[in-house]
């Protein structure tokens, strides 16, 4: 972010810290709620839901090298 997008180091450090703290924590909480809504880990439907979530995460990661603005980069990185 510092080199490719030309963003100030303090801004990058702040946003990176926010993303790496909130993203995984909220992912675990929301993921647990979603898995429980589909019947827990014993239900075969849950594996398909987890697969769809992995596909969505990958789709958010693919555009990262190509986004032109810091806001889009932060958006895709967080999701």
Protein backbone atom coordinates (compact mmCIF):
# COMPACT_ATOMS: atom_id res chain seq x y z
CA UNK A 1 0.00 0.00 0.00
CA UNK A 2 2.86 2.32 0.78
CA UNK A 3 4.69 1.81 -2.50
CA UNK A 4 2.01 0.78 -5.01
CA UNK A 5 -0.71 3.19 -3.91
CA UNK A 6 1.56 5.91 -2.52
CA UNK A 7 -0.21 6.12 0.84
CA UNK A 8 1.46 7.62 3.91
CA UNK A 9 3.01 5.06 6.26
CA UNK A 10 1.02 6.09 9.34
CA UNK A 11 -2.29 5.74 7.47
CA UNK A 12 -1.31 2.34 6.12
CA UNK A 13 -0.21 1.11 9.55
CA UNK A 14 -3.43 2.27 11.20
CA UNK A 15 -5.72 0.72 8.60
CA UNK A 16 -3.72 -2.50 8.45
CA UNK A 17 -3.98 -2.86 12.24
CA UNK A 18 -7.74 -2.25 12.13
CA UNK A 19 -8.21 -4.76 9.32
CA UNK A 20 -6.09 -7.49 10.90
CA UNK A 21 -7.83 -7.14 14.26
CA UNK A 22 -11.47 -6.73 13.25
CA UNK A 23 -11.59 -8.93 10.12
CA UNK A 24 -10.69 -12.28 11.70
CA UNK A 25 -12.60 -11.66 14.92
CA UNK A 26 -15.81 -10.69 13.15
CA UNK A 27 -15.25 -13.53 10.66
CA UNK A 28 -15.19 -16.10 13.44
CA UNK A 29 -18.27 -14.64 15.15
CA UNK A 30 -20.34 -14.25 11.97
CA UNK A 31 -19.09 -17.58 10.58
CA UNK A 32 -20.14 -19.35 13.77
CA UNK A 33 -23.58 -17.81 13.60
CA UNK A 34 -23.98 -18.81 9.95
CA UNK A 35 -22.83 -22.38 10.61
CA UNK A 36 -25.26 -22.70 13.51
CA UNK A 37 -28.12 -21.40 11.34
CA UNK A 38 -27.49 -24.27 8.93
CA UNK A 39 -27.49 -26.92 11.63
CA UNK A 40 -23.95 -26.90 12.95
CA UNK A 41 -20.88 -28.81 11.87
CA UNK A 42 -22.67 -32.15 11.69
CA UNK A 43 -25.01 -31.05 8.87
CA UNK A 44 -23.75 -31.83 5.33
CA UNK A 45 -25.26 -28.56 4.04
CA UNK A 46 -22.76 -26.67 6.20
CA UNK A 47 -19.83 -27.86 4.09
CA UNK A 48 -21.43 -26.27 1.01
CA UNK A 49 -22.02 -23.02 2.92
CA UNK A 50 -18.36 -22.99 3.99
CA UNK A 51 -17.30 -23.64 0.40
CA UNK A 52 -19.38 -20.68 -0.81
CA UNK A 53 -17.80 -18.49 1.87
CA UNK A 54 -14.32 -19.54 0.68
CA UNK A 55 -15.23 -18.68 -2.92
CA UNK A 56 -16.49 -15.24 -1.83
CA UNK A 57 -13.28 -14.63 0.13
CA UNK A 58 -11.18 -15.59 -2.88
CA UNK A 59 -13.22 -13.29 -5.12
CA UNK A 60 -12.42 -10.43 -2.75
CA UNK A 61 -8.73 -11.27 -2.84
CA UNK A 62 -8.31 -11.50 -6.61
CA UNK A 63 -8.80 -7.78 -7.40
CA UNK A 64 -6.34 -6.57 -4.74
CA UNK A 65 -3.37 -6.18 -7.10
CA UNK A 66 -5.50 -4.23 -9.57
CA UNK A 67 -7.49 -1.74 -7.47
CA UNK A 68 -6.49 1.88 -8.11
CA UNK A 69 -7.58 3.48 -4.83
CA UNK A 70 -6.80 2.99 -1.17
CA UNK A 71 -10.49 2.79 -0.23
CA UNK A 72 -11.16 -0.15 -2.57
CA UNK A 73 -7.98 -1.87 -1.40
CA UNK A 74 -9.07 -1.61 2.24
CA UNK A 75 -12.59 -2.80 1.36
CA UNK A 76 -11.41 -5.92 -0.48
CA UNK A 77 -8.68 -6.70 2.05
CA UNK A 78 -11.12 -6.56 4.96
CA UNK A 79 -13.66 -8.84 3.30
